[in-house]
Amino acid sequence: MEITVKAHMPGLVARVVVNEGDKVTAGQEVAVINCMKTEIQVFAESDGVVKSILVKEWDEMEIGSPMIILEA
């Protein structure tokens, strides 16, 4: 089953802290969004393996923009 990690705030992708193939656990930081000079962490909602990274540094995000796909 695929799980899509989505942006919960508008802003720019400051960094992605996982790589494709990495195992992640629920609550683990997977990316950081910069919103109005504040860094906001994005967390995995469930355990899984990073299947695909859809964003790169400085990409503009809106609320609900897909960022990372996990294989649960």
PDB file of N, CA and C in Angstrom:
ATOM      1  N   MET A   1       0.837  -1.171   0.000  1.00  0.00           N
ATOM      2  CA  MET A   1       0.000   0.000   0.000  1.00  0.00           C
ATOM      3  C   MET A   1       0.890   1.246   0.000  1.00  0.00           C
ATOM      4  N   GLU A   2       0.526   2.207  -0.830  1.00  0.00           N
ATOM      5  CA  GLU A   2       1.301   3.444  -0.906  1.00  0.00           C
ATOM      6  C   GLU A   2       0.681   4.512  -0.018  1.00  0.00           C
ATOM      7  N   ILE A   3       1.548   5.261   0.656  1.00  0.00           N
ATOM      8  CA  ILE A   3       1.129   6.370   1.513  1.00  0.00           C
ATOM      9  C   ILE A   3       1.855   7.612   1.018  1.00  0.00           C
ATOM     10  N   THR A   4       1.115   8.672   0.778  1.00  0.00           N
ATOM     11  CA  THR A   4       1.714   9.914   0.304  1.00  0.00           C
ATOM     12  C   THR A   4       1.872  10.886   1.469  1.00  0.00           C
ATOM     13  N   VAL A   5       3.097  11.327   1.685  1.00  0.00           N
ATOM     14  CA  VAL A   5       3.367  12.351   2.692  1.00  0.00           C
ATOM     15  C   VAL A   5       3.154  13.692   1.994  1.00  0.00           C
ATOM     16  N   LYS A   6       2.270  14.509   2.576  1.00  0.00           N
ATOM     17  CA  LYS A   6       1.906  15.779   1.952  1.00  0.00           C
ATOM     18  C   LYS A   6       2.344  16.955   2.812  1.00  0.00           C
ATOM     19  N   ALA A   7       2.525  18.088   2.162  1.00  0.00           N
ATOM     20  CA  ALA A   7       2.866  19.327   2.879  1.00  0.00           C
ATOM     21  C   ALA A   7       1.672  19.771   3.703  1.00  0.00           C
ATOM     22  N   HIS A   8       1.913  20.137   4.948  1.00  0.00           N
ATOM     23  CA  HIS A   8       0.839  20.614   5.816  1.00  0.00           C
ATOM     24  C   HIS A   8       0.881  22.136   5.993  1.00  0.00           C
ATOM     25  N   MET A   9       1.854  22.765   5.343  1.00  0.00           N
ATOM     26  CA  MET A   9       2.010  24.221   5.380  1.00  0.00           C
ATOM     27  C   MET A   9       2.491  24.686   4.008  1.00  0.00           C
ATOM     28  N   PRO A  10       2.142  25.900   3.607  1.00  0.00           N
ATOM     29  CA  PRO A  10       2.728  26.434   2.371  1.00  0.00           C
ATOM     30  C   PRO A  10       4.155  26.895   2.649  1.00  0.00           C
ATOM     31  N   GLY A  11       4.982  26.895   1.634  1.00  0.00           N
ATOM     32  CA  GLY A  11       6.355  27.377   1.787  1.00  0.00           C
ATOM     33  C   GLY A  11       7.284  26.720   0.796  1.00  0.00           C
ATOM     34  N   LEU A  12       8.573  26.807   1.075  1.00  0.00           N
ATOM     35  CA  LEU A  12       9.600  26.219   0.213  1.00  0.00           C
ATOM     36  C   LEU A  12      10.223  25.018   0.910  1.00  0.00           C
ATOM     37  N   VAL A  13      10.568  24.004   0.121  1.00  0.00           N
ATOM     38  CA  VAL A  13      11.248  22.843   0.687  1.00  0.00           C
ATOM     39  C   VAL A  13      12.655  23.281   1.076  1.00  0.00           C
ATOM     40  N   ALA A  14      12.957  23.222   2.363  1.00  0.00           N
ATOM     41  CA  ALA A  14      14.289  23.581   2.845  1.00  0.00           C
ATOM     42  C   ALA A  14      15.246  22.411   2.633  1.00  0.00           C
ATOM     43  N   ARG A  15      14.751  21.200   2.927  1.00  0.00           N
ATOM     44  CA  ARG A  15      15.573  20.005   2.714  1.00  0.00           C
ATOM     45  C   ARG A  15      14.719  18.751   2.839  1.00  0.00           C
ATOM     46  N   VAL A  16      15.177  17.709   2.181  1.00  0.00           N
ATOM     47  CA  VAL A  16      14.605  16.373   2.311  1.00  0.00           C
ATOM     48  C   VAL A  16      15.648  15.563   3.059  1.00  0.00           C
ATOM     49  N   VAL A  17      15.259  14.926   4.156  1.00  0.00           N
ATOM     50  CA  VAL A  17      16.244  14.267   5.018  1.00  0.00           C
ATOM     51  C   VAL A  17      16.260  12.749   4.876  1.00  0.00           C
ATOM     52  N   VAL A  18      15.527  12.227   3.872  1.00  0.00           N
ATOM     53  CA  VAL A  18      15.544  10.790   3.602  1.00  0.00           C
ATOM     54  C   VAL A  18      15.923  10.573   2.141  1.00  0.00           C
ATOM     55  N   ASN A  19      16.279   9.343   1.820  1.00  0.00           N
ATOM     56  CA  ASN A  19      16.602   8.961   0.452  1.00  0.00           C
ATOM     57  C   ASN A  19      15.698   7.818   0.031  1.00  0.00           C
ATOM     58  N   GLU A  20      15.538   7.629  -1.279  1.00  0.00           N
ATOM     59  CA  GLU A  20      14.754   6.499  -1.760  1.00  0.00           C
ATOM     60  C   GLU A  20      15.370   5.210  -1.226  1.00  0.00           C
ATOM     61  N   GLY A  21      14.506   4.313  -0.749  1.00  0.00           N
ATOM     62  CA  GLY A  21      14.963   3.043  -0.191  1.00  0.00           C
ATOM     63  C   GLY A  21      15.134   3.057   1.317  1.00  0.00           C
ATOM     64  N   ASP A  22      15.125   4.248   1.927  1.00  0.00           N
ATOM     65  CA  ASP A  22      15.256   4.337   3.391  1.00  0.00           C
ATOM     66  C   ASP A  22      14.003   3.802   4.075  1.00  0.00           C
ATOM     67  N   LYS A  23      14.206   3.112   5.205  1.00  0.00           N
ATOM     68  CA  LYS A  23      13.083   2.698   6.040  1.00  0.00           C
ATOM     69  C   LYS A  23      12.803   3.826   7.014  1.00  0.00           C
ATOM     70  N   VAL A  24      11.513   4.166   7.162  1.00  0.00           N
ATOM     71  CA  VAL A  24      11.115   5.211   8.100  1.00  0.00           C
ATOM     72  C   VAL A  24      10.054   4.669   9.044  1.00  0.00           C
ATOM     73  N   THR A  25       9.967   5.287  10.197  1.00  0.00           N
ATOM     74  CA  THR A  25       8.950   4.916  11.171  1.00  0.00           C
ATOM     75  C   THR A  25       7.984   6.076  11.355  1.00  0.00           C
ATOM     76  N   ALA A  26       6.790   5.766  11.824  1.00  0.00           N
ATOM     77  CA  ALA A  26       5.787   6.801  12.066  1.00  0.00           C
ATOM     78  C   ALA A  26       6.366   7.856  12.996  1.00  0.00           C
ATOM     79  N   GLY A  27       6.207   9.115  12.634  1.00  0.00           N
ATOM     80  CA  GLY A  27       6.713  10.207  13.449  1.00  0.00           C
ATOM     81  C   GLY A  27       8.128  10.639  13.124  1.00  0.00           C
ATOM     82  N   GLN A  28       8.779   9.946  12.202  1.00  0.00           N
ATOM     83  CA  GLN A  28      10.149  10.304  11.821  1.00  0.00           C
ATOM     84  C   GLN A  28      10.132  11.487  10.861  1.00  0.00           C
ATOM     85  N   GLU A  29      11.050  12.430  11.060  1.00  0.00           N
ATOM     86  CA  GLU A  29      11.177  13.564  10.155  1.00  0.00           C
ATOM     87  C   GLU A  29      11.636  13.083   8.787  1.00  0.00           C
ATOM     88  N   VAL A  30      10.939  13.542   7.739  1.00  0.00           N
ATOM     89  CA  VAL A  30      11.330  13.157   6.382  1.00  0.00           C
ATOM     90  C   VAL A  30      11.708  14.366   5.528  1.00  0.00           C
ATOM     91  N   ALA A  31      11.230  15.553   5.922  1.00  0.00           N
ATOM     92  CA  ALA A  31      11.541  16.764   5.167  1.00  0.00           C
ATOM     93  C   ALA A  31      11.313  17.980   6.060  1.00  0.00           C
ATOM     94  N   VAL A  32      11.745  19.145   5.558  1.00  0.00           N
ATOM     95  CA  VAL A  32      11.562  20.404   6.274  1.00  0.00           C
ATOM     96  C   VAL A  32      11.080  21.447   5.269  1.00  0.00           C
ATOM     97  N   ILE A  33      10.033  22.176   5.679  1.00  0.00           N
ATOM     98  CA  ILE A  33       9.499  23.267   4.857  1.00  0.00           C
ATOM     99  C   ILE A  33       9.853  24.589   5.535  1.00  0.00           C
ATOM    100  N   ASN A  34      10.285  25.564   4.735  1.00  0.00           N
ATOM    101  CA  ASN A  34      10.563  26.900   5.241  1.00  0.00           C
ATOM    102  C   ASN A  34       9.353  27.765   4.934  1.00  0.00           C
ATOM    103  N   CYS A  35       8.699  28.230   5.995  1.00  0.00           N
ATOM    104  CA  CYS A  35       7.508  29.058   5.848  1.00  0.00           C
ATOM    105  C   CYS A  35       7.721  30.358   6.623  1.00  0.00           C
ATOM    106  N   MET A  36       7.839  31.461   5.908  1.00  0.00           N
ATOM    107  CA  MET A  36       8.044  32.775   6.528  1.00  0.00           C
ATOM    108  C   MET A  36       9.236  32.766   7.487  1.00  0.00           C
ATOM    109  N   LYS A  37      10.353  32.256   7.024  1.00  0.00           N
ATOM    110  CA  LYS A  37      11.620  32.205   7.759  1.00  0.00           C
ATOM    111  C   LYS A  37      11.590  31.263   8.960  1.00  0.00           C
ATOM    112  N   THR A  38      10.581  30.393   9.025  1.00  0.00           N
ATOM    113  CA  THR A  38      10.481  29.403  10.090  1.00  0.00           C
ATOM    114  C   THR A  38      10.552  28.020   9.471  1.00  0.00           C
ATOM    115  N   GLU A  39      11.396  27.150  10.018  1.00  0.00           N
ATOM    116  CA  GLU A  39      11.500  25.786   9.514  1.00  0.00           C
ATOM    117  C   GLU A  39      10.477  24.898  10.211  1.00  0.00           C
ATOM    118  N   ILE A  40       9.685  24.197   9.420  1.00  0.00           N
ATOM    119  CA  ILE A  40       8.625  23.334   9.934  1.00  0.00           C
ATOM    120  C   ILE A  40       8.893  21.917   9.452  1.00  0.00           C
ATOM    121  N   GLN A  41       8.975  20.992  10.389  1.00  0.00           N
ATOM    122  CA  GLN A  41       9.274  19.606  10.059  1.00  0.00           C
ATOM    123  C   GLN A  41       8.053  18.913   9.464  1.00  0.00           C
ATOM    124  N   VAL A  42       8.329  17.993   8.539  1.00  0.00           N
ATOM    125  CA  VAL A  42       7.300  17.136   7.957  1.00  0.00           C
ATOM    126  C   VAL A  42       7.637  15.719   8.395  1.00  0.00           C
ATOM    127  N   PHE A  43       6.650  15.024   8.962  1.00  0.00           N
ATOM    128  CA  PHE A  43       6.876  13.697   9.528  1.00  0.00           C
ATOM    129  C   PHE A  43       6.150  12.621   8.740  1.00  0.00           C
ATOM    130  N   ALA A  44       6.707  11.406   8.754  1.00  0.00           N
ATOM    131  CA  ALA A  44       6.033  10.244   8.175  1.00  0.00           C
ATOM    132  C   ALA A  44       4.838   9.914   9.068  1.00  0.00           C
ATOM    133  N   GLU A  45       3.709   9.630   8.446  1.00  0.00           N
ATOM    134  CA  GLU A  45       2.507   9.322   9.212  1.00  0.00           C
ATOM    135  C   GLU A  45       2.440   7.855   9.614  1.00  0.00           C
ATOM    136  N   SER A  46       3.223   7.009   8.947  1.00  0.00           N
ATOM    137  CA  SER A  46       3.237   5.585   9.283  1.00  0.00           C
ATOM    138  C   SER A  46       4.583   4.992   8.895  1.00  0.00           C
ATOM    139  N   ASP A  47       4.820   3.771   9.329  1.00  0.00           N
ATOM    140  CA  ASP A  47       6.052   3.067   8.975  1.00  0.00           C
ATOM    141  C   ASP A  47       6.033   2.736   7.488  1.00  0.00           C
ATOM    142  N   GLY A  48       7.217   2.681   6.880  1.00  0.00           N
ATOM    143  CA  GLY A  48       7.294   2.302   5.482  1.00  0.00           C
ATOM    144  C   GLY A  48       8.694   2.475   4.931  1.00  0.00           C
ATOM    145  N   VAL A  49       8.797   2.275   3.631  1.00  0.00           N
ATOM    146  CA  VAL A  49      10.043   2.449   2.900  1.00  0.00           C
ATOM    147  C   VAL A  49       9.821   3.567   1.884  1.00  0.00           C
ATOM    148  N   VAL A  50      10.772   4.486   1.782  1.00  0.00           N
ATOM    149  CA  VAL A  50      10.650   5.598   0.840  1.00  0.00           C
ATOM    150  C   VAL A  50      10.720   5.038  -0.580  1.00  0.00           C
ATOM    151  N   LYS A  51       9.597   5.145  -1.279  1.00  0.00           N
ATOM    152  CA  LYS A  51       9.510   4.637  -2.655  1.00  0.00           C
ATOM    153  C   LYS A  51       9.919   5.711  -3.660  1.00  0.00           C
ATOM    154  N   SER A  52       9.469   6.945  -3.398  1.00  0.00           N
ATOM    155  CA  SER A  52       9.728   8.011  -4.358  1.00  0.00           C
ATOM    156  C   SER A  52       9.750   9.359  -3.644  1.00  0.00           C
ATOM    157  N   ILE A  53      10.676  10.212  -4.041  1.00  0.00           N
ATOM    158  CA  ILE A  53      10.755  11.579  -3.525  1.00  0.00           C
ATOM    159  C   ILE A  53      10.317  12.499  -4.662  1.00  0.00           C
ATOM    160  N   LEU A  54       9.244  13.228  -4.440  1.00  0.00           N
ATOM    161  CA  LEU A  54       8.633  14.035  -5.492  1.00  0.00           C
ATOM    162  C   LEU A  54       9.090  15.487  -5.505  1.00  0.00           C
ATOM    163  N   VAL A  55       9.883  15.884  -4.514  1.00  0.00           N
ATOM    164  CA  VAL A  55      10.300  17.282  -4.392  1.00  0.00           C
ATOM    165  C   VAL A  55      11.812  17.387  -4.265  1.00  0.00           C
ATOM    166  N   LYS A  56      12.298  18.601  -4.473  1.00  0.00           N
ATOM    167  CA  LYS A  56      13.720  18.876  -4.252  1.00  0.00           C
ATOM    168  C   LYS A  56      13.811  20.222  -3.532  1.00  0.00           C
ATOM    169  N   GLU A  57      14.980  20.525  -3.056  1.00  0.00           N
ATOM    170  CA  GLU A  57      15.199  21.768  -2.327  1.00  0.00           C
ATOM    171  C   GLU A  57      14.726  22.971  -3.136  1.00  0.00           C
ATOM    172  N   TRP A  58      14.038  23.883  -2.469  1.00  0.00           N
ATOM    173  CA  TRP A  58      13.504  25.142  -2.991  1.00  0.00           C
ATOM    174  C   TRP A  58      12.235  24.989  -3.822  1.00  0.00           C
ATOM    175  N   ASP A  59      11.671  23.773  -3.921  1.00  0.00           N
ATOM    176  CA  ASP A  59      10.370  23.628  -4.568  1.00  0.00           C
ATOM    177  C   ASP A  59       9.318  24.331  -3.719  1.00  0.00           C
ATOM    178  N   GLU A  60       8.364  24.974  -4.373  1.00  0.00           N
ATOM    179  CA  GLU A  60       7.299  25.675  -3.648  1.00  0.00           C
ATOM    180  C   GLU A  60       6.163  24.705  -3.333  1.00  0.00           C
ATOM    181  N   MET A  61       5.727  24.713  -2.088  1.00  0.00           N
ATOM    182  CA  MET A  61       4.678  23.811  -1.627  1.00  0.00           C
ATOM    183  C   MET A  61       3.426  24.594  -1.255  1.00  0.00           C
ATOM    184  N   GLU A  62       2.289  23.974  -1.487  1.00  0.00           N
ATOM    185  CA  GLU A  62       1.014  24.471  -0.985  1.00  0.00           C
ATOM    186  C   GLU A  62       0.489  23.420  -0.024  1.00  0.00           C
ATOM    187  N   ILE A  63      -0.483  23.758   0.774  1.00  0.00           N
ATOM    188  CA  ILE A  63      -1.065  22.772   1.682  1.00  0.00           C
ATOM    189  C   ILE A  63      -1.607  21.609   0.856  1.00  0.00           C
ATOM    190  N   GLY A  64      -1.201  20.407   1.197  1.00  0.00           N
ATOM    191  CA  GLY A  64      -1.658  19.207   0.508  1.00  0.00           C
ATOM    192  C   GLY A  64      -0.795  18.771  -0.668  1.00  0.00           C
ATOM    193  N   SER A  65       0.250  19.531  -0.986  1.00  0.00           N
ATOM    194  CA  SER A  65       1.143  19.134  -2.097  1.00  0.00           C
ATOM    195  C   SER A  65       1.838  17.821  -1.739  1.00  0.00           C
ATOM    196  N   PRO A  66       1.818  16.828  -2.651  1.00  0.00           N
ATOM    197  CA  PRO A  66       2.521  15.571  -2.369  1.00  0.00           C
ATOM    198  C   PRO A  66       4.037  15.776  -2.355  1.00  0.00           C
ATOM    199  N   MET A  67       4.704  15.173  -1.389  1.00  0.00           N
ATOM    200  CA  MET A  67       6.155  15.328  -1.246  1.00  0.00           C
ATOM    201  C   MET A  67       6.908  14.021  -1.402  1.00  0.00           C
ATOM    202  N   ILE A  68       6.443  13.002  -0.690  1.00  0.00           N
ATOM    203  CA  ILE A  68       7.158  11.717  -0.640  1.00  0.00           C
ATOM    204  C   ILE A  68       6.143  10.585  -0.658  1.00  0.00           C
ATOM    205  N   ILE A  69       6.464   9.514  -1.376  1.00  0.00           N
ATOM    206  CA  ILE A  69       5.607   8.335  -1.390  1.00  0.00           C
ATOM    207  C   ILE A  69       6.302   7.221  -0.628  1.00  0.00           C
ATOM    208  N   LEU A  70       5.576   6.651   0.341  1.00  0.00           N
ATOM    209  CA  LEU A  70       6.074   5.531   1.131  1.00  0.00           C
ATOM    210  C   LEU A  70       5.366   4.255   0.713  1.00  0.00           C
ATOM    211  N   GLU A  71       6.069   3.149   0.735  1.00  0.00           N
ATOM    212  CA  GLU A  71       5.483   1.828   0.543  1.00  0.00           C
ATOM    213  C   GLU A  71       5.340   1.215   1.924  1.00  0.00           C
ATOM    214  N   ALA A  72       4.081   1.004   2.345  1.00  0.00           N
ATOM    215  CA  ALA A  72       3.830   0.481   3.703  1.00  0.00           C
ATOM    216  C   ALA A  72       3.936  -1.045   3.714  1.00  0.00           C
TER     217      ALA A  72
END
